[in-house]
Amino acid sequence: MNNQRKLHCTYKNNWEIIQWIIPVIFSAPHAAPQTREWERKPCDELTWEIVRKLCKKTWAYGIIRIENFDDDPNYYNEWLSLDFKNEIVDLMKKNWIKYWFDIHGCKDDLWFSIDIGTNYGENINQNLDFLINIQKSLSNNFGRVAVDEIFDAGKSEIVSTYISKQVKCPYIQLELCRALREETEYLISLLSHTVWDGLNLRN
């Protein structure tokens, strides 16, 4: 696979859209700072770089929020926050996307390296085979992997919960600890294998 191929990127409102080939999409709604109840919160550092590199390495689609317009797609269902989510829905429907990963960052002082948020199975349509494949692949590479431990992606405003009601295919929220995010190249390499092998996209 020629990973030197140039990404096809377009820009709309305060996000970047990456058009690619395989039926997978990665998103980074907190790659830029977000605003909740007029309080500005920092970005999930390196998630912009992680999603961009994942798209280039795997040939997946991507959408990255690159600027804060006093919005937060994981908190509001209005204005640009709602537009961001609907843009993902539109991308998924037009390009027959089968899997979606919402990339976030968490702190290092938790017992896990990665928390997989599925809203207790609701956001993956109770597809346990999908969850087992992803969890097994991530555990083999990263060790301490939780499911719906803290970041369960269960609130109605959260990107993955909103979109799971619009498009019926598996979506998960991946919370990555800071130590993993800082090992960006290592993380990208292993997450790429998770996408290709865990989802059986090589066949």
C-alpha atoms as a PDB file:
ATOM      1  CA  MET A   1       0.000   0.000   0.000  1.00  0.00           C
ATOM      2  CA  ASN A   2       1.412   3.387  -1.011  1.00  0.00           C
ATOM      3  CA  ASN A   3       1.040   5.618   2.044  1.00  0.00           C
ATOM      4  CA  GLN A   4       2.832   8.487   0.244  1.00  0.00           C
ATOM      5  CA  ARG A   5      -0.367   9.321  -1.607  1.00  0.00           C
ATOM      6  CA  LYS A   6      -1.501  12.835  -0.792  1.00  0.00           C
ATOM      7  CA  LEU A   7      -4.568  13.198   1.412  1.00  0.00           C
ATOM      8  CA  HIS A   8      -7.578  14.803  -0.204  1.00  0.00           C
ATOM      9  CA  CYS A   9      -8.666  17.412   2.357  1.00  0.00           C
ATOM     10  CA  THR A  10     -11.438  19.977   2.275  1.00  0.00           C
ATOM     11  CA  TYR A  11     -12.457  22.557   4.876  1.00  0.00           C
ATOM     12  CA  LYS A  12     -15.914  23.548   6.035  1.00  0.00           C
ATOM     13  CA  ASN A  13     -16.911  25.801   8.945  1.00  0.00           C
ATOM     14  CA  ASN A  14     -14.398  24.874  11.690  1.00  0.00           C
ATOM     15  CA  TRP A  15     -13.480  21.355  10.618  1.00  0.00           C
ATOM     16  CA  GLU A  16     -11.276  19.497   8.148  1.00  0.00           C
ATOM     17  CA  ILE A  17     -12.670  16.601   6.074  1.00  0.00           C
ATOM     18  CA  ILE A  18     -10.419  13.844   4.743  1.00  0.00           C
ATOM     19  CA  GLN A  19     -11.753  11.850   1.778  1.00  0.00           C
ATOM     20  CA  TRP A  20     -10.179   8.442   1.272  1.00  0.00           C
ATOM     21  CA  ILE A  21     -11.061   4.853   0.274  1.00  0.00           C
ATOM     22  CA  ILE A  22     -11.855   2.231   2.923  1.00  0.00           C
ATOM     23  CA  PRO A  23     -15.296   2.251   4.654  1.00  0.00           C
ATOM     24  CA  VAL A  24     -13.985   3.549   7.992  1.00  0.00           C
ATOM     25  CA  ILE A  25     -14.069   7.056   9.429  1.00  0.00           C
ATOM     26  CA  PHE A  26     -12.064   8.581  12.285  1.00  0.00           C
ATOM     27  CA  SER A  27     -13.155  11.789  13.998  1.00  0.00           C
ATOM     28  CA  ALA A  28     -11.515  14.189  16.448  1.00  0.00           C
ATOM     29  CA  PRO A  29     -14.166  16.583  17.799  1.00  0.00           C
ATOM     30  CA  HIS A  30     -11.879  17.856  20.574  1.00  0.00           C
ATOM     31  CA  ALA A  31      -8.754  18.384  18.467  1.00  0.00           C
ATOM     32  CA  ALA A  32      -9.415  22.103  19.088  1.00  0.00           C
ATOM     33  CA  PRO A  33     -10.446  23.630  22.426  1.00  0.00           C
ATOM     34  CA  GLN A  34     -14.154  23.446  23.236  1.00  0.00           C
ATOM     35  CA  THR A  35     -16.567  25.708  25.097  1.00  0.00           C
ATOM     36  CA  ARG A  36     -19.143  24.412  27.572  1.00  0.00           C
ATOM     37  CA  GLU A  37     -21.456  26.787  29.411  1.00  0.00           C
ATOM     38  CA  TRP A  38     -19.153  29.673  28.351  1.00  0.00           C
ATOM     39  CA  GLU A  39     -16.139  27.950  29.901  1.00  0.00           C
ATOM     40  CA  ARG A  40     -13.286  27.265  27.521  1.00  0.00           C
ATOM     41  CA  LYS A  41     -11.713  23.818  27.917  1.00  0.00           C
ATOM     42  CA  PRO A  42      -8.404  22.652  26.444  1.00  0.00           C
ATOM     43  CA  CYS A  43      -8.162  20.402  23.426  1.00  0.00           C
ATOM     44  CA  ASP A  44      -7.420  16.673  23.537  1.00  0.00           C
ATOM     45  CA  GLU A  45      -3.806  17.102  22.570  1.00  0.00           C
ATOM     46  CA  LEU A  46      -2.433  15.211  19.561  1.00  0.00           C
ATOM     47  CA  THR A  47      -5.819  13.830  18.500  1.00  0.00           C
ATOM     48  CA  TRP A  48      -5.631  15.991  15.351  1.00  0.00           C
ATOM     49  CA  GLU A  49      -2.283  14.460  14.426  1.00  0.00           C
ATOM     50  CA  ILE A  50      -3.434  10.935  15.342  1.00  0.00           C
ATOM     51  CA  VAL A  51      -6.551  11.067  13.152  1.00  0.00           C
ATOM     52  CA  ARG A  52      -4.698  12.621  10.225  1.00  0.00           C
ATOM     53  CA  LYS A  53      -1.943   9.986  10.330  1.00  0.00           C
ATOM     54  CA  LEU A  54      -4.430   7.153  10.826  1.00  0.00           C
ATOM     55  CA  CYS A  55      -6.309   8.266   7.721  1.00  0.00           C
ATOM     56  CA  LYS A  56      -3.108   8.426   5.694  1.00  0.00           C
ATOM     57  CA  LYS A  57      -1.850   5.038   6.863  1.00  0.00           C
ATOM     58  CA  THR A  58      -5.132   3.134   6.578  1.00  0.00           C
ATOM     59  CA  TRP A  59      -6.797   5.090   3.734  1.00  0.00           C
ATOM     60  CA  ALA A  60      -9.770   5.811   5.990  1.00  0.00           C
ATOM     61  CA  TYR A  61     -12.007   8.872   5.978  1.00  0.00           C
ATOM     62  CA  GLY A  62     -11.631  11.501   8.665  1.00  0.00           C
ATOM     63  CA  ILE A  63     -13.147  14.652  10.143  1.00  0.00           C
ATOM     64  CA  ILE A  64     -11.244  16.909  12.525  1.00  0.00           C
ATOM     65  CA  ARG A  65     -12.510  19.970  14.364  1.00  0.00           C
ATOM     66  CA  ILE A  66      -9.703  22.522  13.951  1.00  0.00           C
ATOM     67  CA  GLU A  67     -11.008  25.712  15.569  1.00  0.00           C
ATOM     68  CA  ASN A  68     -13.156  26.692  18.549  1.00  0.00           C
ATOM     69  CA  PHE A  69     -16.206  28.802  17.698  1.00  0.00           C
ATOM     70  CA  ASP A  70     -17.630  28.609  21.247  1.00  0.00           C
ATOM     71  CA  ASP A  71     -18.986  25.155  20.422  1.00  0.00           C
ATOM     72  CA  ASP A  72     -18.546  21.539  21.503  1.00  0.00           C
ATOM     73  CA  PRO A  73     -19.998  18.681  19.405  1.00  0.00           C
ATOM     74  CA  ASN A  74     -19.823  16.390  22.435  1.00  0.00           C
ATOM     75  CA  TYR A  75     -21.968  18.698  24.557  1.00  0.00           C
ATOM     76  CA  TYR A  76     -24.403  20.650  22.362  1.00  0.00           C
ATOM     77  CA  ASN A  77     -26.982  19.648  19.758  1.00  0.00           C
ATOM     78  CA  GLU A  78     -27.245  23.035  18.067  1.00  0.00           C
ATOM     79  CA  TRP A  79     -25.492  25.355  15.615  1.00  0.00           C
ATOM     80  CA  LEU A  80     -21.962  24.233  14.584  1.00  0.00           C
ATOM     81  CA  SER A  81     -21.955  21.396  17.108  1.00  0.00           C
ATOM     82  CA  LEU A  82     -24.985  19.868  15.397  1.00  0.00           C
ATOM     83  CA  ASP A  83     -23.598  20.691  11.938  1.00  0.00           C
ATOM     84  CA  PHE A  84     -20.393  18.775  12.774  1.00  0.00           C
ATOM     85  CA  LYS A  85     -22.367  15.672  13.706  1.00  0.00           C
ATOM     86  CA  ASN A  86     -24.601  15.933  10.667  1.00  0.00           C
ATOM     87  CA  GLU A  87     -21.515  16.279   8.472  1.00  0.00           C
ATOM     88  CA  ILE A  88     -20.325  12.883   9.782  1.00  0.00           C
ATOM     89  CA  VAL A  89     -23.760  11.384   9.095  1.00  0.00           C
ATOM     90  CA  ASP A  90     -23.635  12.774   5.536  1.00  0.00           C
ATOM     91  CA  LEU A  91     -20.118  11.408   4.950  1.00  0.00           C
ATOM     92  CA  MET A  92     -21.128   7.998   6.233  1.00  0.00           C
ATOM     93  CA  LYS A  93     -24.240   7.750   4.090  1.00  0.00           C
ATOM     94  CA  LYS A  94     -22.612   9.030   0.889  1.00  0.00           C
ATOM     95  CA  ASN A  95     -19.525   6.821   1.208  1.00  0.00           C
ATOM     96  CA  TRP A  96     -21.086   3.647   2.621  1.00  0.00           C
ATOM     97  CA  ILE A  97     -19.020   3.867   5.815  1.00  0.00           C
ATOM     98  CA  LYS A  98     -19.240   0.664   7.857  1.00  0.00           C
ATOM     99  CA  TYR A  99     -17.236   1.573  10.987  1.00  0.00           C
ATOM    100  CA  TRP A 100     -16.558   4.773  12.880  1.00  0.00           C
ATOM    101  CA  PHE A 101     -14.038   5.628  15.624  1.00  0.00           C
ATOM    102  CA  ASP A 102     -14.366   8.840  17.648  1.00  0.00           C
ATOM    103  CA  ILE A 103     -10.902   9.691  19.020  1.00  0.00           C
ATOM    104  CA  HIS A 104     -10.497  11.468  22.376  1.00  0.00           C
ATOM    105  CA  GLY A 105      -7.862  11.913  25.052  1.00  0.00           C
ATOM    106  CA  CYS A 106      -7.915  11.093  28.763  1.00  0.00           C
ATOM    107  CA  LYS A 107      -5.445  11.522  31.623  1.00  0.00           C
ATOM    108  CA  ASP A 108      -2.758   9.059  32.645  1.00  0.00           C
ATOM    109  CA  ASP A 109      -3.893   8.627  36.265  1.00  0.00           C
ATOM    110  CA  LEU A 110      -6.516   5.994  35.383  1.00  0.00           C
ATOM    111  CA  TRP A 111      -6.032   2.232  35.526  1.00  0.00           C
ATOM    112  CA  PHE A 112      -6.505   1.778  31.771  1.00  0.00           C
ATOM    113  CA  SER A 113      -4.626   2.985  28.705  1.00  0.00           C
ATOM    114  CA  ILE A 114      -7.750   2.988  26.523  1.00  0.00           C
ATOM    115  CA  ASP A 115     -11.440   3.135  27.363  1.00  0.00           C
ATOM    116  CA  ILE A 116     -13.822   1.933  24.642  1.00  0.00           C
ATOM    117  CA  GLY A 117     -17.127   3.793  24.906  1.00  0.00           C
ATOM    118  CA  THR A 118     -20.099   1.923  23.430  1.00  0.00           C
ATOM    119  CA  ASN A 119     -23.016   3.220  25.552  1.00  0.00           C
ATOM    120  CA  TYR A 120     -23.215  -0.309  26.971  1.00  0.00           C
ATOM    121  CA  GLY A 121     -23.560  -1.817  23.534  1.00  0.00           C
ATOM    122  CA  GLU A 122     -26.221   0.580  22.221  1.00  0.00           C
ATOM    123  CA  ASN A 123     -23.841   2.451  19.886  1.00  0.00           C
ATOM    124  CA  ILE A 124     -22.640  -0.789  18.291  1.00  0.00           C
ATOM    125  CA  ASN A 125     -26.127  -2.255  17.921  1.00  0.00           C
ATOM    126  CA  GLN A 126     -25.174  -4.879  20.523  1.00  0.00           C
ATOM    127  CA  ASN A 127     -22.681  -6.292  18.008  1.00  0.00           C
ATOM    128  CA  LEU A 128     -20.545  -8.216  20.506  1.00  0.00           C
ATOM    129  CA  ASP A 129     -18.385  -9.824  17.815  1.00  0.00           C
ATOM    130  CA  PHE A 130     -17.310  -6.355  16.670  1.00  0.00           C
ATOM    131  CA  LEU A 131     -16.545  -5.305  20.257  1.00  0.00           C
ATOM    132  CA  ILE A 132     -14.641  -8.508  21.064  1.00  0.00           C
ATOM    133  CA  ASN A 133     -12.488  -8.173  17.921  1.00  0.00           C
ATOM    134  CA  ILE A 134     -11.620  -4.548  18.687  1.00  0.00           C
ATOM    135  CA  GLN A 135     -11.008  -5.126  22.401  1.00  0.00           C
ATOM    136  CA  LYS A 136      -8.851  -8.182  21.723  1.00  0.00           C
ATOM    137  CA  SER A 137      -6.762  -6.375  19.131  1.00  0.00           C
ATOM    138  CA  LEU A 138      -6.286  -3.316  21.352  1.00  0.00           C
ATOM    139  CA  SER A 139      -5.523  -5.443  24.439  1.00  0.00           C
ATOM    140  CA  ASN A 140      -2.886  -7.426  22.550  1.00  0.00           C
ATOM    141  CA  ASN A 141      -1.132  -4.191  21.610  1.00  0.00           C
ATOM    142  CA  PHE A 142      -1.813  -1.862  24.524  1.00  0.00           C
ATOM    143  CA  GLY A 143      -2.573  -4.045  27.544  1.00  0.00           C
ATOM    144  CA  ARG A 144      -5.016  -2.261  29.830  1.00  0.00           C
ATOM    145  CA  VAL A 145      -8.183  -1.724  27.819  1.00  0.00           C
ATOM    146  CA  ALA A 146     -11.515  -0.927  29.500  1.00  0.00           C
ATOM    147  CA  VAL A 147     -15.033  -0.943  28.067  1.00  0.00           C
ATOM    148  CA  ASP A 148     -17.564   1.699  29.220  1.00  0.00           C
ATOM    149  CA  GLU A 149     -15.521   2.190  32.396  1.00  0.00           C
ATOM    150  CA  ILE A 150     -15.720   5.979  32.723  1.00  0.00           C
ATOM    151  CA  PHE A 151     -16.279   7.313  29.213  1.00  0.00           C
ATOM    152  CA  ASP A 152     -19.300   5.235  28.224  1.00  0.00           C
ATOM    153  CA  ALA A 153     -20.491   7.598  25.449  1.00  0.00           C
ATOM    154  CA  GLY A 154     -24.015   7.409  26.799  1.00  0.00           C
ATOM    155  CA  LYS A 155     -25.280  10.996  26.831  1.00  0.00           C
ATOM    156  CA  SER A 156     -27.619  11.959  24.013  1.00  0.00           C
ATOM    157  CA  GLU A 157     -25.477  14.981  23.035  1.00  0.00           C
ATOM    158  CA  ILE A 158     -22.302  12.924  22.579  1.00  0.00           C
ATOM    159  CA  VAL A 159     -21.209  12.577  18.974  1.00  0.00           C
ATOM    160  CA  SER A 160     -21.256   8.768  18.881  1.00  0.00           C
ATOM    161  CA  THR A 161     -24.679   8.480  20.574  1.00  0.00           C
ATOM    162  CA  TYR A 162     -26.255  11.057  18.270  1.00  0.00           C
ATOM    163  CA  ILE A 163     -24.878   9.486  15.102  1.00  0.00           C
ATOM    164  CA  SER A 164     -25.709   5.918  16.141  1.00  0.00           C
ATOM    165  CA  LYS A 165     -29.376   6.911  15.972  1.00  0.00           C
ATOM    166  CA  GLN A 166     -28.957   8.255  12.430  1.00  0.00           C
ATOM    167  CA  VAL A 167     -26.829   5.554  10.792  1.00  0.00           C
ATOM    168  CA  LYS A 168     -27.052   1.909  11.851  1.00  0.00           C
ATOM    169  CA  CYS A 169     -23.480   0.619  11.940  1.00  0.00           C
ATOM    170  CA  PRO A 170     -20.942   0.184  14.770  1.00  0.00           C
ATOM    171  CA  TYR A 171     -19.427   3.319  16.337  1.00  0.00           C
ATOM    172  CA  ILE A 172     -17.140   3.548  19.312  1.00  0.00           C
ATOM    173  CA  GLN A 173     -15.505   6.315  21.288  1.00  0.00           C
ATOM    174  CA  LEU A 174     -11.822   5.666  22.018  1.00  0.00           C
ATOM    175  CA  GLU A 175     -10.359   7.507  25.000  1.00  0.00           C
ATOM    176  CA  LEU A 176      -6.567   7.348  24.742  1.00  0.00           C
ATOM    177  CA  CYS A 177      -4.332   8.149  27.714  1.00  0.00           C
ATOM    178  CA  ARG A 178      -1.763  10.902  27.265  1.00  0.00           C
ATOM    179  CA  ALA A 179       1.222   8.548  27.401  1.00  0.00           C
ATOM    180  CA  LEU A 180      -0.138   6.629  24.409  1.00  0.00           C
ATOM    181  CA  ARG A 181      -0.898   9.802  22.481  1.00  0.00           C
ATOM    182  CA  GLU A 182       2.647  11.022  22.999  1.00  0.00           C
ATOM    183  CA  GLU A 183       3.960   7.784  21.439  1.00  0.00           C
ATOM    184  CA  THR A 184       2.215   8.861  18.266  1.00  0.00           C
ATOM    185  CA  GLU A 185       4.035   6.772  15.647  1.00  0.00           C
ATOM    186  CA  TYR A 186       3.807   3.616  17.770  1.00  0.00           C
ATOM    187  CA  LEU A 187       0.120   4.289  18.417  1.00  0.00           C
ATOM    188  CA  ILE A 188      -0.620   4.904  14.733  1.00  0.00           C
ATOM    189  CA  SER A 189       1.121   1.703  13.681  1.00  0.00           C
ATOM    190  CA  LEU A 190      -0.781  -0.485  16.126  1.00  0.00           C
ATOM    191  CA  LEU A 191      -4.153   1.216  15.663  1.00  0.00           C
ATOM    192  CA  SER A 192      -3.728   0.699  11.917  1.00  0.00           C
ATOM    193  CA  HIS A 193      -3.331  -3.035  12.485  1.00  0.00           C
ATOM    194  CA  THR A 194      -6.451  -2.937  14.658  1.00  0.00           C
ATOM    195  CA  VAL A 195      -8.396  -1.381  11.791  1.00  0.00           C
ATOM    196  CA  TRP A 196      -7.138  -3.754   9.101  1.00  0.00           C
ATOM    197  CA  ASP A 197      -7.065  -6.973  11.113  1.00  0.00           C
ATOM    198  CA  GLY A 198      -9.646  -6.347  13.839  1.00  0.00           C
ATOM    199  CA  LEU A 199     -12.251  -5.379  11.254  1.00  0.00           C
ATOM    200  CA  ASN A 200     -11.087  -8.012   8.736  1.00  0.00           C
ATOM    201  CA  LEU A 201     -10.610  -5.365   6.051  1.00  0.00           C
ATOM    202  CA  ARG A 202      -7.743  -7.261   4.453  1.00  0.00           C
ATOM    203  CA  ASN A 203     -10.166  -9.765   2.988  1.00  0.00           C
END
